[in-house]
Amino acid sequence: MRTRTGHAGLGLVLALAVASCGENQPATRAAPPPPTVGVAKPIARTVVDQDEYVGRFVAVDSVEIRARVWGYLDGVHFKDGQIVKKGDLLFTLDRRPYQVTLDQARANLAQTRANLAFAEADLARGQQLVRDHTITQQSFDQRTQNKRVAEAAVAASEALVQQAELDYSFTELHAPVAGRIGDRRVSPGGSGSSSTLMATIVSIDPIRFEFTFDEAAYLRYEKFAKRSEDPDVPGTPVRLKLINESGFDHEGTIDFVDNQISQSSGTIRGRAVFKNPTGLFTPGMFGRVQVPGSAPYEALLIPDQAIGTEQARKFVYVVDAENTARQKHIVLGQIQDGLRVVKDGLAPEDRVVLNGLTTLRPGTKVNPQEAPPPRTPVSRAE
């Protein structure tokens, strides 16, 4: 009886030990669900590469206002910095001395014309007298000479009157071009002459933008640029932004490229023209211009956040039919209206992963969710 009881006790202890070990074993964990990622197909679009250059605005017309005759400044007829139209009165000089000179010239003209009238009448009488042999041929020739001298005197007096009228008109200084005038450099009572700068005027609408580009860019532009002999065909379209703007919203055209490349810098000067009805642009202002740098070509566009970097290569994750993330290396282009151009490595039907790139590895199972398509680029005239 003692032996059986001992065996039973040992069995109970072993059973409890086995049960205790079973309770300490961890439960089998379920596999985590695949990560949810947003996917979208790239946007197919015809694009043109854009080259960017920094340049400066220059006026189409820039004129220094100087008096053509000497005189004391009598009046100023504008406010500093105002917009003036072509022909607007700007300054007046003291006109009295020139009025006296003009009156004297006109009086001299009247006198010479009277002398001419007398000489013509005297010559007419002489013609009859010489036929009647009342006067000699020498006397008749003398009257002819007097008439010619009188005609020359009239011509000289008329020239003096024209000069006096011209000098008199120069006492009023009018705007030769439309634009914005600077501050006056002479005060009323001061003297003005051709050596005295009185003010400057710069035209503002339209306005030019000058920039330089290198020889390689020049050859590339020449290769794909459309040539036309028709003067009515506009130049190459360009876009511009100012230093405080984020987008290239101002449109213009290239109207001039210089005829030689600088030997010192290896660059050539280009010029674009922009409309400026509000006067936003002013000569001397800096800006950045975009010039078409390629012929139009088909490309795919995706958001920048969908692109990863692997050493020197760029890649994206695409989701295949089995919802597996696959890595694709791509060749990038420029940003076009907020989206990145992909030149190679991507297909139009690829479902590109838009988020969570840091948590993915090639071959990872994912739960793809169709995301809204990338922002469609705003169509612009290329």
Protein backbone atom coordinates (compact mmCIF):
# COMPACT_ATOMS: atom_id res chain seq x y z
CA MET A 1 0.00 0.00 0.00
CA ARG A 2 2.81 2.37 0.75
CA THR A 3 4.44 1.70 -2.62
CA ARG A 4 1.24 2.40 -4.55
CA THR A 5 0.64 5.59 -2.67
CA GLY A 6 4.16 6.75 -3.44
CA HIS A 7 3.75 6.07 -7.12
CA ALA A 8 0.47 7.97 -7.18
CA GLY A 9 2.05 10.97 -5.51
CA LEU A 10 4.89 11.05 -7.97
CA GLY A 11 2.46 10.96 -10.87
CA LEU A 12 0.53 13.88 -9.44
CA VAL A 13 3.70 15.93 -9.06
CA LEU A 14 4.73 15.23 -12.66
CA ALA A 15 1.26 16.17 -13.95
CA LEU A 16 1.32 19.45 -12.06
CA ALA A 17 4.82 20.23 -13.38
CA VAL A 18 3.75 19.59 -16.97
CA ALA A 19 0.67 21.76 -16.49
CA SER A 20 2.80 24.52 -14.98
CA CYS A 21 5.19 24.44 -17.96
CA GLY A 22 2.24 24.66 -20.36
CA GLU A 23 0.95 27.77 -18.66
CA ASN A 24 4.35 29.55 -19.02
CA GLN A 25 4.59 29.01 -22.85
CA PRO A 26 3.70 32.23 -24.83
CA ALA A 27 0.66 32.17 -27.11
CA THR A 28 1.27 32.17 -30.90
CA ARG A 29 0.99 35.80 -32.27
CA ALA A 30 -1.01 36.63 -35.42
CA ALA A 31 0.90 38.15 -38.41
CA PRO A 32 0.54 41.98 -38.64
CA PRO A 33 -1.68 43.28 -41.44
CA PRO A 34 0.06 44.71 -44.54
CA PRO A 35 0.63 48.49 -44.39
CA THR A 36 -1.91 50.68 -46.12
CA VAL A 37 -0.42 52.97 -48.78
CA GLY A 38 -1.91 55.46 -51.18
CA VAL A 39 -1.30 54.75 -54.84
CA ALA A 40 -2.00 56.66 -58.04
CA LYS A 41 -1.04 56.41 -61.68
CA PRO A 42 1.33 59.04 -63.11
CA ILE A 43 0.00 61.84 -65.29
CA ALA A 44 0.96 61.66 -68.96
CA ARG A 45 1.64 65.02 -70.53
CA THR A 46 3.58 66.73 -73.30
CA VAL A 47 6.19 68.91 -71.61
CA VAL A 48 9.02 71.24 -72.53
CA ASP A 49 12.15 71.58 -70.41
CA GLN A 50 12.71 75.09 -69.07
CA ASP A 51 16.05 76.81 -68.55
CA GLU A 52 16.20 79.56 -65.92
CA TYR A 53 18.32 82.70 -66.04
CA VAL A 54 18.67 85.76 -63.83
CA GLY A 55 18.47 89.10 -65.61
CA ARG A 56 17.52 92.72 -65.26
CA PHE A 57 14.84 94.98 -66.71
CA VAL A 58 15.87 97.80 -69.03
CA ALA A 59 13.77 100.54 -70.55
CA VAL A 60 12.95 100.53 -74.24
CA ASP A 61 13.54 104.29 -74.27
CA SER A 62 15.64 106.28 -71.82
CA VAL A 63 15.96 110.02 -72.46
CA GLU A 64 17.87 112.78 -70.70
CA ILE A 65 15.99 116.08 -70.73
CA ARG A 66 18.33 118.97 -71.55
CA ALA A 67 17.56 122.46 -72.79
CA ARG A 68 18.55 123.18 -76.40
CA VAL A 69 18.95 126.90 -75.71
CA TRP A 70 20.36 128.75 -72.77
CA GLY A 71 17.92 130.40 -70.40
CA TYR A 72 16.69 130.76 -66.87
CA LEU A 73 14.14 128.20 -65.76
CA ASP A 74 10.75 129.85 -65.54
CA GLY A 75 8.44 126.96 -64.64
CA VAL A 76 8.22 123.22 -63.85
CA HIS A 77 5.04 121.48 -65.02
CA PHE A 78 5.26 117.99 -63.53
CA LYS A 79 5.62 116.20 -60.22
CA ASP A 80 8.70 114.14 -59.51
CA GLY A 81 8.16 110.49 -60.47
CA GLN A 82 4.87 110.92 -62.29
CA ILE A 83 3.83 109.19 -65.52
CA VAL A 84 4.02 111.56 -68.49
CA LYS A 85 2.71 111.22 -72.03
CA LYS A 86 4.64 112.01 -75.15
CA GLY A 87 4.39 115.75 -75.82
CA ASP A 88 3.53 116.78 -72.26
CA LEU A 89 5.01 120.16 -71.21
CA LEU A 90 7.78 119.65 -68.65
CA PHE A 91 9.78 122.91 -68.34
CA THR A 92 9.58 126.48 -69.61
CA LEU A 93 12.55 128.83 -69.88
CA ASP A 94 12.41 132.62 -69.81
CA ARG A 95 11.03 133.36 -73.30
CA ARG A 96 11.43 137.15 -73.38
CA PRO A 97 14.92 137.36 -74.89
CA TYR A 98 13.93 134.94 -77.63
CA GLN A 99 10.70 136.82 -78.26
CA VAL A 100 12.71 140.00 -78.84
CA THR A 101 15.06 138.20 -81.23
CA LEU A 102 12.10 136.75 -83.11
CA ASP A 103 10.40 140.12 -83.44
CA GLN A 104 13.61 141.67 -84.75
CA ALA A 105 14.06 138.88 -87.28
CA ARG A 106 10.50 139.29 -88.51
CA ALA A 107 11.04 143.04 -88.89
CA ASN A 108 14.19 142.49 -90.91
CA LEU A 109 12.29 140.06 -93.09
CA ALA A 110 9.61 142.64 -93.76
CA GLN A 111 12.28 145.17 -94.73
CA THR A 112 14.04 142.80 -97.14
CA ARG A 113 10.74 141.85 -98.72
CA ALA A 114 9.98 145.53 -99.28
CA ASN A 115 13.41 145.97 -100.88
CA LEU A 116 12.72 142.98 -103.10
CA ALA A 117 9.38 144.39 -104.19
CA PHE A 118 11.07 147.68 -105.14
CA ALA A 119 13.84 145.87 -107.02
CA GLU A 120 11.30 143.78 -108.95
CA ALA A 121 9.33 146.88 -109.94
CA ASP A 122 12.50 148.74 -110.92
CA LEU A 123 13.59 145.81 -113.05
CA ALA A 124 10.21 145.65 -114.75
CA ARG A 125 10.43 149.34 -115.70
CA GLY A 126 13.96 148.83 -116.92
CA GLN A 127 12.86 146.14 -119.37
CA GLN A 128 10.72 148.63 -121.28
CA LEU A 129 13.34 151.38 -121.03
CA VAL A 130 16.11 149.22 -122.42
CA ARG A 131 13.89 148.23 -125.36
CA ASP A 132 13.29 151.93 -126.04
CA HIS A 133 17.04 152.54 -125.67
CA THR A 134 16.27 155.03 -122.91
CA ILE A 135 18.79 153.38 -120.57
CA THR A 136 21.90 151.50 -121.36
CA GLN A 137 22.26 147.73 -121.10
CA GLN A 138 24.65 148.29 -118.21
CA SER A 139 21.95 150.12 -116.24
CA PHE A 140 19.52 147.29 -116.92
CA ASP A 141 22.06 144.72 -115.74
CA GLN A 142 22.55 146.71 -112.59
CA ARG A 143 18.80 146.57 -111.86
CA THR A 144 18.84 142.82 -112.46
CA GLN A 145 21.67 142.48 -109.98
CA ASN A 146 19.76 144.55 -107.42
CA LYS A 147 16.79 142.19 -107.69
CA ARG A 148 18.98 139.14 -107.15
CA VAL A 149 20.59 140.75 -104.11
CA ALA A 150 17.15 141.59 -102.72
CA GLU A 151 16.00 137.96 -103.22
CA ALA A 152 19.07 136.69 -101.39
CA ALA A 153 18.45 139.13 -98.55
CA VAL A 154 14.86 137.87 -98.24
CA ALA A 155 16.05 134.27 -98.12
CA ALA A 156 18.58 135.12 -95.42
CA SER A 157 15.96 137.00 -93.40
CA GLU A 158 13.54 134.07 -93.70
CA ALA A 159 16.25 131.75 -92.38
CA LEU A 160 16.88 134.07 -89.43
CA VAL A 161 13.15 134.11 -88.68
CA GLN A 162 13.04 130.30 -88.77
CA GLN A 163 16.03 130.13 -86.43
CA ALA A 164 14.46 132.63 -84.06
CA GLU A 165 11.15 130.72 -84.10
CA LEU A 166 13.01 127.49 -83.42
CA ASP A 167 14.93 128.99 -80.51
CA TYR A 168 11.70 130.44 -79.18
CA SER A 169 10.02 127.01 -79.34
CA PHE A 170 12.98 125.45 -77.51
CA THR A 171 12.10 127.52 -74.45
CA GLU A 172 9.37 124.92 -73.87
CA LEU A 173 10.65 121.43 -73.08
CA HIS A 174 8.17 118.66 -73.90
CA ALA A 175 8.37 114.95 -73.16
CA PRO A 176 9.91 113.19 -76.20
CA VAL A 177 8.60 109.77 -75.07
CA ALA A 178 5.93 108.43 -72.76
CA GLY A 179 7.07 106.96 -69.46
CA ARG A 180 7.99 107.76 -65.88
CA ILE A 181 9.95 110.93 -65.22
CA GLY A 182 12.49 111.20 -62.43
CA ASP A 183 13.07 114.11 -60.10
CA ARG A 184 13.89 117.55 -61.49
CA ARG A 185 17.54 118.54 -61.27
CA VAL A 186 17.04 122.31 -61.70
CA SER A 187 14.88 124.65 -59.64
CA PRO A 188 12.97 127.67 -61.01
CA GLY A 189 15.37 130.58 -61.37
CA GLY A 190 18.30 128.34 -62.21
CA SER A 191 19.84 128.28 -65.65
CA GLY A 192 19.46 125.53 -68.19
CA SER A 193 21.48 124.63 -71.27
CA SER A 194 22.59 121.65 -73.30
CA SER A 195 25.15 120.81 -70.62
CA THR A 196 22.56 120.85 -67.82
CA LEU A 197 20.68 117.63 -67.05
CA MET A 198 17.19 118.71 -66.04
CA ALA A 199 15.42 115.33 -65.68
CA THR A 200 15.29 111.82 -67.14
CA ILE A 201 12.40 109.82 -68.61
CA VAL A 202 12.28 106.03 -68.96
CA SER A 203 9.54 104.22 -70.83
CA ILE A 204 7.79 101.47 -68.85
CA ASP A 205 5.26 99.85 -71.18
CA PRO A 206 6.44 97.71 -72.83
CA ILE A 207 9.67 96.94 -71.01
CA ARG A 208 12.65 94.77 -71.87
CA PHE A 209 14.39 92.08 -69.84
CA GLU A 210 18.04 91.30 -70.61
CA PHE A 211 19.87 88.10 -69.62
CA THR A 212 22.86 86.04 -70.78
CA PHE A 213 23.26 82.34 -71.54
CA ASP A 214 26.24 80.20 -72.51
CA GLU A 215 27.35 78.92 -75.89
CA ALA A 216 26.01 75.39 -75.33
CA ALA A 217 22.55 76.73 -74.57
CA TYR A 218 22.71 78.97 -77.63
CA LEU A 219 23.51 75.99 -79.89
CA ARG A 220 20.71 73.96 -78.29
CA TYR A 221 18.19 76.75 -78.83
CA GLU A 222 19.29 77.13 -82.43
CA LYS A 223 18.77 73.41 -82.98
CA PHE A 224 15.10 73.21 -82.05
CA ALA A 225 13.93 76.80 -82.41
CA LYS A 226 11.38 77.39 -85.13
CA ARG A 227 12.70 79.85 -87.65
CA SER A 228 10.38 82.16 -89.59
CA GLU A 229 10.99 85.09 -91.90
CA ASP A 230 7.50 86.43 -91.25
CA PRO A 231 7.84 89.55 -89.06
CA ASP A 232 4.30 89.04 -87.76
CA VAL A 233 5.23 85.73 -86.08
CA PRO A 234 6.01 86.37 -82.37
CA GLY A 235 9.30 85.29 -80.85
CA THR A 236 9.96 82.43 -78.45
CA PRO A 237 7.54 82.61 -75.48
CA VAL A 238 9.12 82.98 -72.04
CA ARG A 239 7.85 83.30 -68.47
CA LEU A 240 9.19 85.41 -65.64
CA LYS A 241 8.94 85.84 -61.89
CA LEU A 242 10.19 88.52 -59.54
CA ILE A 243 12.29 87.90 -56.44
CA ASN A 244 9.21 88.00 -54.18
CA GLU A 245 7.08 85.66 -56.31
CA SER A 246 6.89 81.86 -56.31
CA GLY A 247 5.48 81.24 -59.77
CA PHE A 248 6.47 82.24 -63.29
CA ASP A 249 3.24 84.08 -64.00
CA HIS A 250 4.40 86.87 -66.33
CA GLU A 251 4.46 86.00 -70.02
CA GLY A 252 6.61 87.62 -72.68
CA THR A 253 8.55 86.85 -75.84
CA ILE A 254 12.19 86.93 -76.88
CA ASP A 255 12.64 89.69 -79.45
CA PHE A 256 16.42 89.84 -79.76
CA VAL A 257 19.58 87.73 -79.45
CA ASP A 258 22.95 89.43 -79.84
CA ASN A 259 25.10 88.77 -82.90
CA GLN A 260 28.27 87.65 -81.11
CA ILE A 261 29.41 85.67 -78.09
CA SER A 262 31.55 87.48 -75.55
CA GLN A 263 35.14 86.26 -75.69
CA SER A 264 35.71 87.07 -72.03
CA SER A 265 32.68 85.27 -70.55
CA GLY A 266 31.63 82.84 -73.29
CA THR A 267 28.04 84.05 -73.05
CA ILE A 268 25.67 85.79 -75.40
CA ARG A 269 23.04 88.38 -74.57
CA GLY A 270 19.35 87.72 -75.04
CA ARG A 271 16.40 90.05 -74.59
CA ALA A 272 12.71 89.52 -73.95
CA VAL A 273 9.89 92.05 -74.00
CA PHE A 274 7.00 92.15 -71.51
CA LYS A 275 3.83 94.17 -71.29
CA ASN A 276 3.82 96.44 -68.24
CA PRO A 277 0.52 98.38 -68.15
CA THR A 278 0.48 98.72 -64.36
CA GLY A 279 4.13 99.77 -64.06
CA LEU A 280 5.00 96.77 -61.87
CA PHE A 281 8.34 96.31 -63.61
CA THR A 282 10.84 99.14 -63.48
CA PRO A 283 14.26 99.49 -65.16
CA GLY A 284 17.07 98.03 -63.06
CA MET A 285 14.82 95.47 -61.32
CA PHE A 286 16.08 91.87 -61.16
CA GLY A 287 14.02 88.84 -62.10
CA ARG A 288 14.26 85.21 -63.16
CA VAL A 289 13.16 84.10 -66.62
CA GLN A 290 12.25 80.65 -67.96
CA VAL A 291 13.26 79.91 -71.55
CA PRO A 292 12.11 76.72 -73.37
CA GLY A 293 15.15 74.43 -73.30
CA SER A 294 13.93 71.52 -75.42
CA ALA A 295 11.48 70.49 -78.06
CA PRO A 296 8.11 69.18 -76.72
CA TYR A 297 8.22 65.53 -75.62
CA GLU A 298 5.94 63.02 -73.87
CA ALA A 299 6.64 62.46 -70.17
CA LEU A 300 5.06 61.14 -66.97
CA LEU A 301 4.62 63.37 -63.92
CA ILE A 302 4.46 62.34 -60.26
CA PRO A 303 4.67 64.16 -56.91
CA ASP A 304 8.14 64.66 -55.45
CA GLN A 305 7.17 62.92 -52.21
CA ALA A 306 6.79 59.62 -54.10
CA ILE A 307 10.48 59.61 -55.02
CA GLY A 308 13.15 57.95 -52.91
CA THR A 309 16.94 58.15 -53.06
CA GLU A 310 19.33 55.21 -53.11
CA GLN A 311 22.87 56.53 -53.16
CA ALA A 312 23.06 58.37 -56.50
CA ARG A 313 19.93 56.80 -57.97
CA LYS A 314 16.30 57.77 -57.66
CA PHE A 315 13.49 55.24 -57.33
CA VAL A 316 9.78 54.79 -56.71
CA TYR A 317 7.72 51.93 -55.36
CA VAL A 318 4.99 50.53 -57.57
CA VAL A 319 2.35 48.00 -56.55
CA ASP A 320 1.87 44.96 -58.82
CA ALA A 321 -1.22 42.80 -59.34
CA GLU A 322 -0.42 40.75 -56.20
CA ASN A 323 -0.30 43.95 -54.09
CA THR A 324 3.45 43.63 -53.68
CA ALA A 325 5.68 46.72 -53.60
CA ARG A 326 8.32 46.65 -56.32
CA GLN A 327 11.17 49.13 -56.65
CA LYS A 328 11.78 50.92 -59.95
CA HIS A 329 14.74 53.15 -60.68
CA ILE A 330 13.82 56.24 -62.65
CA VAL A 331 15.42 59.14 -64.52
CA LEU A 332 14.10 62.50 -63.37
CA GLY A 333 13.55 65.72 -65.23
CA GLN A 334 12.46 69.15 -64.12
CA ILE A 335 9.50 70.23 -62.01
CA GLN A 336 6.53 71.21 -64.14
CA ASP A 337 3.81 73.12 -62.27
CA GLY A 338 4.52 71.37 -58.97
CA LEU A 339 5.02 67.82 -60.34
CA ARG A 340 8.27 66.05 -61.15
CA VAL A 341 8.92 64.91 -64.73
CA VAL A 342 10.01 61.26 -65.08
CA LYS A 343 11.90 60.78 -68.33
CA ASP A 344 12.55 57.03 -68.04
CA GLY A 345 11.89 53.99 -65.85
CA LEU A 346 8.13 54.38 -65.31
CA ALA A 347 5.09 53.14 -67.26
CA PRO A 348 1.74 54.94 -67.56
CA GLU A 349 -0.12 51.97 -66.00
CA ASP A 350 2.13 51.74 -62.92
CA ARG A 351 0.45 52.30 -59.56
CA VAL A 352 2.97 54.52 -57.76
CA VAL A 353 3.15 54.52 -53.96
CA LEU A 354 2.68 58.10 -52.76
CA ASN A 355 3.43 57.75 -49.05
CA GLY A 356 5.24 55.57 -46.50
CA LEU A 357 8.37 54.98 -48.55
CA THR A 358 10.57 54.70 -45.44
CA THR A 359 8.63 51.68 -44.14
CA LEU A 360 8.63 49.71 -47.38
CA ARG A 361 11.11 47.20 -48.72
CA PRO A 362 11.08 45.51 -52.14
CA GLY A 363 8.66 42.56 -51.95
CA THR A 364 6.59 43.99 -49.09
CA LYS A 365 2.90 43.14 -49.20
CA VAL A 366 0.77 46.27 -48.98
CA ASN A 367 -2.85 47.29 -48.82
CA PRO A 368 -3.13 49.78 -51.72
CA GLN A 369 -5.73 52.51 -51.52
CA GLU A 370 -6.47 54.59 -54.58
CA ALA A 371 -5.44 58.15 -53.75
CA PRO A 372 -6.68 61.27 -55.50
CA PRO A 373 -4.67 61.84 -58.67
CA PRO A 374 -1.74 64.25 -58.42
CA ARG A 375 -2.60 67.89 -58.97
CA THR A 376 -3.15 68.32 -62.67
CA PRO A 377 -0.67 70.88 -64.02
CA VAL A 378 -2.17 74.10 -65.23
CA SER A 379 -2.00 74.26 -69.00
CA ARG A 380 0.20 77.03 -70.28
CA ALA A 381 1.17 78.12 -73.72
CA GLU A 382 4.43 76.35 -74.53
